């Protein structure tokens, strides 16, 4: 299953209001659970493959992503909030030795790359859907982010 398909499934589950969705295929098991008012939690399991020897090998528990509480966002209706479209790690720079994509006070336009979010070793450019001025950056560099977590505040005027 491709990362884009998993991302679309997470978005669909979040919008549908379902509390749990299980998907089982030949080589993948995915369970997406939501609690009221929280972000989806994805549990991704790969089936265990029996070994040809008599040795017993412990199987690690499946990884799970625990929801983290996003930083409080200033309640100012004049600002537009840019949110994370995926779960992953937030980076402000394209590479450690490069400058930040944007800083507070920068003027941006639609399509401007604001950051990258790394998910499963894929780096996804996050582009602005609005024009304006960056008022606040709500996430620290190299921090994990959840789906729909606020990342930037933009003054569209």
N, C-alpha and C. Protein backbone atom coordinates (compact mmCIF):
# COMPACT_ATOMS: atom_id res chain seq x y z
N UNK A 1 0.85 -1.18 0.00
CA UNK A 1 0.00 0.00 0.00
C UNK A 1 0.89 1.23 0.00
N UNK A 2 0.57 2.19 -0.83
CA UNK A 2 1.38 3.38 -0.97
C UNK A 2 1.03 4.40 0.11
N UNK A 3 2.01 5.26 0.44
CA UNK A 3 1.83 6.27 1.49
C UNK A 3 0.66 7.19 1.17
N UNK A 4 0.49 7.55 -0.10
CA UNK A 4 -0.60 8.45 -0.49
C UNK A 4 -1.95 7.79 -0.20
N UNK A 5 -2.06 6.50 -0.44
CA UNK A 5 -3.31 5.79 -0.15
C UNK A 5 -3.60 5.78 1.35
N UNK A 6 -2.55 5.58 2.17
CA UNK A 6 -2.71 5.59 3.62
C UNK A 6 -3.12 6.97 4.09
N UNK A 7 -2.49 8.02 3.54
CA UNK A 7 -2.83 9.39 3.91
C UNK A 7 -4.29 9.69 3.56
N UNK A 8 -4.72 9.28 2.37
CA UNK A 8 -6.11 9.52 1.97
C UNK A 8 -7.08 8.76 2.87
N UNK A 9 -6.71 7.54 3.27
CA UNK A 9 -7.55 6.76 4.18
C UNK A 9 -7.66 7.45 5.54
N UNK A 10 -6.56 7.98 6.04
CA UNK A 10 -6.57 8.70 7.33
C UNK A 10 -7.48 9.92 7.23
N UNK A 11 -7.34 10.68 6.14
CA UNK A 11 -8.19 11.86 5.95
C UNK A 11 -9.66 11.47 5.90
N UNK A 12 -9.96 10.40 5.17
CA UNK A 12 -11.34 9.95 5.05
C UNK A 12 -11.92 9.55 6.40
N UNK A 13 -11.16 8.79 7.18
CA UNK A 13 -11.62 8.35 8.49
C UNK A 13 -11.83 9.55 9.42
N UNK A 14 -10.90 10.52 9.37
CA UNK A 14 -11.03 11.71 10.23
C UNK A 14 -12.29 12.49 9.89
N UNK A 15 -12.61 12.61 8.61
CA UNK A 15 -13.78 13.38 8.20
C UNK A 15 -15.08 12.60 8.38
N UNK A 16 -15.02 11.28 8.31
CA UNK A 16 -16.24 10.47 8.36
C UNK A 16 -16.82 10.36 9.76
N UNK A 17 -16.00 10.55 10.78
CA UNK A 17 -16.48 10.43 12.15
C UNK A 17 -16.48 8.98 12.65
N UNK A 18 -15.97 8.06 11.85
CA UNK A 18 -15.90 6.66 12.28
C UNK A 18 -14.93 6.53 13.45
N UNK A 19 -15.21 5.62 14.36
CA UNK A 19 -14.34 5.48 15.52
C UNK A 19 -13.19 4.49 15.27
N UNK A 20 -13.38 3.56 14.34
CA UNK A 20 -12.32 2.60 14.06
C UNK A 20 -12.51 2.02 12.67
N UNK A 21 -11.40 1.88 11.95
CA UNK A 21 -11.41 1.27 10.62
C UNK A 21 -10.26 0.28 10.57
N UNK A 22 -10.55 -0.95 10.11
CA UNK A 22 -9.51 -1.96 9.95
C UNK A 22 -9.44 -2.34 8.49
N UNK A 23 -8.21 -2.44 7.99
CA UNK A 23 -7.98 -2.82 6.61
C UNK A 23 -6.93 -3.92 6.62
N UNK A 24 -7.28 -5.07 6.04
CA UNK A 24 -6.33 -6.18 5.98
C UNK A 24 -6.15 -6.59 4.53
N UNK A 25 -4.88 -6.65 4.12
CA UNK A 25 -4.54 -7.11 2.78
C UNK A 25 -3.51 -8.21 2.94
N UNK A 26 -3.02 -8.73 1.83
CA UNK A 26 -2.08 -9.85 1.88
C UNK A 26 -0.89 -9.60 2.80
N UNK A 27 -0.23 -8.45 2.62
CA UNK A 27 1.01 -8.19 3.34
C UNK A 27 0.93 -7.06 4.35
N UNK A 28 -0.25 -6.48 4.54
CA UNK A 28 -0.38 -5.32 5.42
C UNK A 28 -1.68 -5.38 6.20
N UNK A 29 -1.59 -4.97 7.46
CA UNK A 29 -2.77 -4.77 8.30
C UNK A 29 -2.71 -3.35 8.82
N UNK A 30 -3.78 -2.58 8.64
CA UNK A 30 -3.82 -1.20 9.14
C UNK A 30 -5.09 -1.03 9.95
N UNK A 31 -4.93 -0.45 11.14
CA UNK A 31 -6.07 -0.11 11.98
C UNK A 31 -5.97 1.38 12.30
N UNK A 32 -7.05 2.11 12.03
CA UNK A 32 -7.10 3.54 12.34
C UNK A 32 -8.20 3.73 13.37
N UNK A 33 -7.81 4.24 14.55
CA UNK A 33 -8.76 4.45 15.64
C UNK A 33 -8.83 5.93 15.97
N UNK A 34 -10.02 6.42 16.25
CA UNK A 34 -10.19 7.80 16.68
C UNK A 34 -11.01 7.83 17.95
N UNK A 35 -10.73 8.80 18.78
CA UNK A 35 -11.55 9.08 19.94
C UNK A 35 -12.18 10.42 19.69
N UNK A 36 -13.31 10.70 20.30
CA UNK A 36 -13.97 11.97 20.08
C UNK A 36 -13.02 13.11 20.42
N UNK A 37 -12.89 14.06 19.47
CA UNK A 37 -12.08 15.25 19.70
C UNK A 37 -10.59 15.05 19.58
N UNK A 38 -10.14 13.87 19.13
CA UNK A 38 -8.69 13.68 18.99
C UNK A 38 -8.36 13.27 17.57
N UNK A 39 -7.08 13.27 17.28
CA UNK A 39 -6.60 12.91 15.95
C UNK A 39 -6.60 11.39 15.80
N UNK A 40 -6.66 10.90 14.55
CA UNK A 40 -6.60 9.45 14.34
C UNK A 40 -5.26 8.88 14.79
N UNK A 41 -5.30 7.65 15.26
CA UNK A 41 -4.09 6.93 15.63
C UNK A 41 -3.99 5.75 14.67
N UNK A 42 -2.85 5.61 14.01
CA UNK A 42 -2.67 4.57 13.02
C UNK A 42 -1.78 3.48 13.60
N UNK A 43 -2.24 2.25 13.52
CA UNK A 43 -1.44 1.11 13.92
C UNK A 43 -1.20 0.30 12.66
N UNK A 44 0.05 0.12 12.30
CA UNK A 44 0.42 -0.54 11.05
C UNK A 44 1.16 -1.81 11.41
N UNK A 45 0.65 -2.94 10.96
CA UNK A 45 1.27 -4.21 11.30
C UNK A 45 1.65 -4.94 10.02
N UNK A 46 2.76 -5.63 10.06
CA UNK A 46 3.14 -6.53 8.98
C UNK A 46 3.01 -7.94 9.53
N UNK A 47 2.54 -8.87 8.73
CA UNK A 47 2.38 -10.23 9.25
C UNK A 47 3.73 -10.85 9.58
N UNK A 48 3.73 -11.74 10.53
CA UNK A 48 4.97 -12.42 10.89
C UNK A 48 5.21 -13.56 9.90
N UNK A 49 6.45 -13.76 9.54
CA UNK A 49 6.81 -14.81 8.60
C UNK A 49 7.47 -15.93 9.39
N UNK A 50 6.93 -17.14 9.30
CA UNK A 50 7.54 -18.24 10.06
C UNK A 50 8.96 -18.51 9.56
N UNK A 51 9.85 -18.76 10.49
CA UNK A 51 11.24 -19.05 10.15
C UNK A 51 11.40 -20.52 9.84
N UNK A 52 12.36 -20.85 8.99
CA UNK A 52 12.58 -22.23 8.59
C UNK A 52 13.32 -23.02 9.66
N UNK A 53 13.87 -22.36 10.66
CA UNK A 53 14.61 -23.05 11.71
C UNK A 53 13.73 -23.23 12.94
N UNK A 54 14.24 -23.89 13.93
CA UNK A 54 13.50 -24.12 15.16
C UNK A 54 13.72 -23.01 16.18
N UNK A 55 14.50 -22.00 15.84
CA UNK A 55 14.74 -20.89 16.75
C UNK A 55 13.52 -20.00 16.82
N UNK A 56 13.23 -19.53 18.01
CA UNK A 56 12.10 -18.63 18.20
C UNK A 56 12.64 -17.20 18.23
N UNK A 57 12.06 -16.36 17.40
CA UNK A 57 12.52 -14.97 17.35
C UNK A 57 11.37 -14.08 17.82
N UNK A 58 11.63 -13.23 18.83
CA UNK A 58 10.55 -12.37 19.31
C UNK A 58 10.13 -11.37 18.24
N UNK A 59 8.83 -11.08 18.21
CA UNK A 59 8.29 -10.12 17.26
C UNK A 59 8.00 -8.84 18.02
N UNK A 60 8.56 -7.71 17.58
CA UNK A 60 8.30 -6.46 18.30
C UNK A 60 6.84 -6.03 18.12
N UNK A 61 6.30 -5.31 19.10
CA UNK A 61 4.92 -4.85 18.95
C UNK A 61 4.83 -3.85 17.79
N UNK A 62 3.65 -3.73 17.18
CA UNK A 62 3.52 -2.82 16.05
C UNK A 62 3.70 -1.38 16.50
N UNK A 63 4.30 -0.56 15.65
CA UNK A 63 4.47 0.85 16.03
C UNK A 63 3.11 1.55 16.04
N UNK A 64 2.97 2.48 16.95
CA UNK A 64 1.75 3.27 16.95
C UNK A 64 2.13 4.71 17.19
N UNK A 65 1.32 5.59 16.69
CA UNK A 65 1.58 7.01 16.82
C UNK A 65 0.60 7.54 17.85
N UNK A 66 1.13 8.01 18.98
CA UNK A 66 0.23 8.52 20.01
C UNK A 66 -0.05 9.99 19.76
N UNK A 67 -1.29 10.39 19.93
CA UNK A 67 -1.62 11.79 19.66
C UNK A 67 -0.92 12.73 20.65
N UNK A 68 -0.46 13.84 20.13
CA UNK A 68 0.13 14.86 20.99
C UNK A 68 -0.76 16.09 20.91
N UNK A 69 -0.79 16.84 21.96
CA UNK A 69 -1.66 18.01 21.94
C UNK A 69 -0.95 19.14 21.20
N UNK A 70 -1.62 19.73 20.20
CA UNK A 70 -0.99 20.81 19.47
C UNK A 70 -0.86 22.05 20.34
N UNK A 71 0.08 22.91 19.98
CA UNK A 71 0.27 24.14 20.73
C UNK A 71 -0.97 25.01 20.58
N UNK A 72 -1.30 25.80 21.60
CA UNK A 72 -2.48 26.65 21.50
C UNK A 72 -2.31 27.67 20.38
N UNK A 73 -3.40 27.92 19.69
CA UNK A 73 -3.40 28.85 18.58
C UNK A 73 -4.14 30.10 19.01
N UNK A 74 -3.57 31.25 18.69
CA UNK A 74 -4.22 32.50 19.04
C UNK A 74 -5.56 32.57 18.32
N UNK A 75 -6.60 32.92 19.05
CA UNK A 75 -7.93 33.01 18.48
C UNK A 75 -8.12 34.38 17.85
N UNK A 76 -7.62 34.57 16.66
CA UNK A 76 -7.79 35.82 15.95
C UNK A 76 -8.32 35.48 14.58
N UNK A 77 -9.58 35.82 14.33
CA UNK A 77 -10.23 35.41 13.10
C UNK A 77 -9.65 36.10 11.88
N UNK A 78 -8.82 37.13 12.05
CA UNK A 78 -8.24 37.80 10.89
C UNK A 78 -7.07 37.01 10.31
N UNK A 79 -6.58 36.02 11.03
CA UNK A 79 -5.47 35.21 10.55
C UNK A 79 -5.98 33.91 9.95
N UNK A 80 -5.27 33.43 8.92
CA UNK A 80 -5.57 32.14 8.31
C UNK A 80 -4.59 31.13 8.89
N UNK A 81 -5.09 29.98 9.30
CA UNK A 81 -4.24 28.92 9.86
C UNK A 81 -3.92 27.92 8.76
N UNK A 82 -2.64 27.64 8.57
CA UNK A 82 -2.21 26.61 7.63
C UNK A 82 -1.93 25.38 8.46
N UNK A 83 -2.61 24.27 8.10
CA UNK A 83 -2.52 23.04 8.89
C UNK A 83 -1.78 21.95 8.14
N UNK A 84 -1.30 20.98 8.90
CA UNK A 84 -0.58 19.85 8.32
C UNK A 84 -1.56 18.91 7.60
N UNK A 85 -1.28 18.58 6.34
CA UNK A 85 -2.15 17.66 5.62
C UNK A 85 -1.84 16.18 5.92
N UNK A 86 -0.73 15.93 6.62
CA UNK A 86 -0.30 14.56 6.90
C UNK A 86 0.37 14.46 8.27
N UNK A 87 0.57 13.24 8.71
CA UNK A 87 1.32 12.94 9.93
C UNK A 87 2.78 12.77 9.53
N UNK A 88 3.70 13.35 10.30
CA UNK A 88 5.11 13.18 9.98
C UNK A 88 5.98 14.07 10.82
N UNK A 89 7.17 14.35 10.33
CA UNK A 89 8.13 15.22 11.01
C UNK A 89 8.26 16.52 10.23
N UNK A 90 8.09 17.65 10.93
CA UNK A 90 8.09 18.99 10.35
C UNK A 90 9.52 19.51 10.24
N UNK A 91 9.89 19.99 9.05
CA UNK A 91 11.20 20.60 8.85
C UNK A 91 11.02 21.97 8.19
N UNK A 92 11.71 22.99 8.71
CA UNK A 92 11.63 24.35 8.17
C UNK A 92 12.60 24.58 7.02
N UNK A 93 13.58 23.67 6.84
CA UNK A 93 14.62 23.83 5.82
C UNK A 93 14.59 22.64 4.86
N UNK A 94 15.03 22.86 3.61
CA UNK A 94 15.12 21.73 2.68
C UNK A 94 16.29 20.80 3.02
N UNK A 95 17.30 21.32 3.73
CA UNK A 95 18.46 20.54 4.15
C UNK A 95 19.09 21.27 5.34
N UNK A 96 19.85 20.57 6.19
CA UNK A 96 20.42 21.21 7.38
C UNK A 96 21.29 22.43 7.09
N UNK A 97 21.96 22.45 5.93
CA UNK A 97 22.85 23.57 5.60
C UNK A 97 22.19 24.65 4.74
N UNK A 98 20.88 24.56 4.57
CA UNK A 98 20.14 25.52 3.74
C UNK A 98 19.34 26.47 4.64
N UNK A 99 18.94 27.64 4.11
CA UNK A 99 18.11 28.56 4.91
C UNK A 99 16.67 28.07 5.03
N UNK A 100 15.94 28.61 6.02
CA UNK A 100 14.53 28.25 6.22
C UNK A 100 13.73 28.61 4.97
N UNK A 101 12.67 27.83 4.71
CA UNK A 101 11.77 28.16 3.61
C UNK A 101 11.14 29.54 3.85
N UNK A 102 10.58 29.74 5.06
CA UNK A 102 9.96 31.02 5.42
C UNK A 102 10.25 31.33 6.88
N UNK A 103 10.20 32.62 7.22
CA UNK A 103 10.37 33.08 8.59
C UNK A 103 9.21 34.02 8.92
N UNK A 104 9.03 34.32 10.19
CA UNK A 104 8.01 35.27 10.62
C UNK A 104 8.28 36.61 9.95
N UNK A 105 7.23 37.21 9.37
CA UNK A 105 7.36 38.49 8.68
C UNK A 105 7.51 38.36 7.18
N UNK A 106 7.81 37.15 6.68
CA UNK A 106 7.94 36.94 5.23
C UNK A 106 6.59 37.06 4.54
N UNK A 107 6.59 37.63 3.34
CA UNK A 107 5.39 37.71 2.51
C UNK A 107 5.39 36.49 1.60
N UNK A 108 4.26 35.79 1.56
CA UNK A 108 4.14 34.57 0.76
C UNK A 108 3.00 34.73 -0.24
N UNK A 109 3.00 33.89 -1.25
CA UNK A 109 1.90 33.84 -2.21
C UNK A 109 1.45 32.39 -2.34
N UNK A 110 0.33 32.19 -3.04
CA UNK A 110 -0.16 30.82 -3.24
C UNK A 110 0.92 30.00 -3.94
N UNK A 111 1.15 28.79 -3.46
CA UNK A 111 2.14 27.91 -4.06
C UNK A 111 3.53 28.02 -3.45
N UNK A 112 3.75 28.99 -2.55
CA UNK A 112 5.04 29.12 -1.90
C UNK A 112 5.26 27.91 -0.98
N UNK A 113 6.43 27.27 -1.08
CA UNK A 113 6.74 26.15 -0.19
C UNK A 113 7.06 26.72 1.19
N UNK A 114 6.32 26.25 2.21
CA UNK A 114 6.47 26.74 3.57
C UNK A 114 7.37 25.86 4.41
N UNK A 115 7.33 24.55 4.15
CA UNK A 115 8.08 23.59 4.95
C UNK A 115 8.03 22.25 4.23
N UNK A 116 8.69 21.25 4.80
CA UNK A 116 8.53 19.87 4.32
C UNK A 116 8.12 19.03 5.52
N UNK A 117 7.33 18.00 5.24
CA UNK A 117 6.96 17.04 6.27
C UNK A 117 7.39 15.67 5.77
N UNK A 118 8.25 15.05 6.59
CA UNK A 118 8.76 13.73 6.24
C UNK A 118 7.85 12.67 6.84
N UNK A 119 7.37 11.79 5.98
CA UNK A 119 6.52 10.68 6.42
C UNK A 119 7.02 9.41 5.73
N UNK A 120 7.46 8.47 6.51
CA UNK A 120 7.94 7.19 6.01
C UNK A 120 9.04 7.37 4.94
N UNK A 121 10.01 8.23 5.25
CA UNK A 121 11.18 8.50 4.41
C UNK A 121 10.83 9.23 3.11
N UNK A 122 9.61 9.77 3.01
CA UNK A 122 9.23 10.60 1.87
C UNK A 122 9.10 12.03 2.35
N UNK A 123 9.72 12.97 1.64
CA UNK A 123 9.68 14.37 2.01
C UNK A 123 8.62 15.08 1.16
N UNK A 124 7.59 15.61 1.82
CA UNK A 124 6.46 16.24 1.14
C UNK A 124 6.53 17.75 1.32
N UNK A 125 6.62 18.49 0.19
CA UNK A 125 6.59 19.95 0.25
C UNK A 125 5.19 20.38 0.66
N UNK A 126 5.09 21.29 1.62
CA UNK A 126 3.82 21.85 2.04
C UNK A 126 3.76 23.26 1.47
N UNK A 127 2.82 23.48 0.56
CA UNK A 127 2.70 24.76 -0.12
C UNK A 127 1.56 25.57 0.47
N UNK A 128 1.68 26.89 0.39
CA UNK A 128 0.65 27.78 0.88
C UNK A 128 -0.54 27.78 -0.07
N UNK A 129 -1.73 27.81 0.50
CA UNK A 129 -2.94 27.91 -0.31
C UNK A 129 -3.48 29.35 -0.28
N UNK A 130 -2.78 30.23 0.46
CA UNK A 130 -3.19 31.63 0.56
C UNK A 130 -1.98 32.54 0.38
N UNK A 131 -2.25 33.79 0.05
CA UNK A 131 -1.20 34.81 -0.01
C UNK A 131 -1.29 35.64 1.26
N UNK A 132 -0.18 36.17 1.71
CA UNK A 132 -0.19 37.00 2.90
C UNK A 132 1.18 37.08 3.54
N UNK A 133 1.16 37.34 4.85
CA UNK A 133 2.39 37.52 5.61
C UNK A 133 2.42 36.52 6.77
N UNK A 134 3.54 35.84 6.96
CA UNK A 134 3.68 34.87 8.06
C UNK A 134 3.68 35.65 9.37
N UNK A 135 2.71 35.34 10.26
CA UNK A 135 2.60 36.01 11.55
C UNK A 135 3.26 35.19 12.65
N UNK A 136 3.08 33.86 12.57
CA UNK A 136 3.62 32.99 13.62
C UNK A 136 3.87 31.60 13.06
N UNK A 137 4.95 30.98 13.51
CA UNK A 137 5.25 29.59 13.19
C UNK A 137 4.96 28.80 14.46
N UNK A 138 4.02 27.87 14.38
CA UNK A 138 3.47 27.22 15.56
C UNK A 138 4.17 25.92 15.95
N UNK A 139 5.13 25.47 15.12
CA UNK A 139 5.79 24.18 15.37
C UNK A 139 7.30 24.37 15.33
N UNK A 140 7.99 23.71 16.23
CA UNK A 140 9.46 23.75 16.25
C UNK A 140 10.02 22.87 15.13
N UNK A 141 11.17 23.26 14.60
CA UNK A 141 11.84 22.48 13.57
C UNK A 141 12.14 21.07 14.07
N UNK A 142 11.98 20.08 13.23
CA UNK A 142 12.24 18.66 13.51
C UNK A 142 11.27 18.06 14.53
N UNK A 143 10.10 18.66 14.67
CA UNK A 143 9.09 18.16 15.61
C UNK A 143 8.08 17.27 14.90
N UNK A 144 7.55 16.26 15.60
CA UNK A 144 6.48 15.47 14.99
C UNK A 144 5.20 16.29 14.92
N UNK A 145 4.43 16.10 13.84
CA UNK A 145 3.15 16.78 13.70
C UNK A 145 2.07 15.75 13.36
N UNK A 146 0.86 16.09 13.73
CA UNK A 146 -0.30 15.25 13.47
C UNK A 146 -1.06 15.78 12.26
N UNK A 147 -1.93 14.96 11.73
CA UNK A 147 -2.83 15.39 10.66
C UNK A 147 -3.69 16.55 11.17
N UNK A 148 -3.81 17.60 10.40
CA UNK A 148 -4.66 18.75 10.69
C UNK A 148 -4.13 19.62 11.84
N UNK A 149 -2.89 19.43 12.25
CA UNK A 149 -2.29 20.26 13.31
C UNK A 149 -1.90 21.61 12.72
N UNK A 150 -2.23 22.72 13.39
CA UNK A 150 -1.84 24.04 12.90
C UNK A 150 -0.32 24.18 12.84
N UNK A 151 0.17 24.73 11.71
CA UNK A 151 1.60 24.92 11.51
C UNK A 151 1.99 26.40 11.46
N UNK A 152 1.20 27.20 10.73
CA UNK A 152 1.51 28.61 10.52
C UNK A 152 0.25 29.46 10.69
N UNK A 153 0.44 30.69 11.13
CA UNK A 153 -0.62 31.70 11.09
C UNK A 153 -0.21 32.71 10.03
N UNK A 154 -1.14 33.03 9.13
CA UNK A 154 -0.87 33.94 8.02
C UNK A 154 -1.89 35.07 8.07
N UNK A 155 -1.38 36.31 7.92
CA UNK A 155 -2.26 37.49 7.81
C UNK A 155 -2.51 37.68 6.32
N UNK A 156 -3.73 37.36 5.86
CA UNK A 156 -4.00 37.43 4.41
C UNK A 156 -4.16 38.86 3.88
N UNK A 157 -4.20 39.87 4.76
CA UNK A 157 -4.41 41.25 4.26
C UNK A 157 -3.16 41.88 3.70
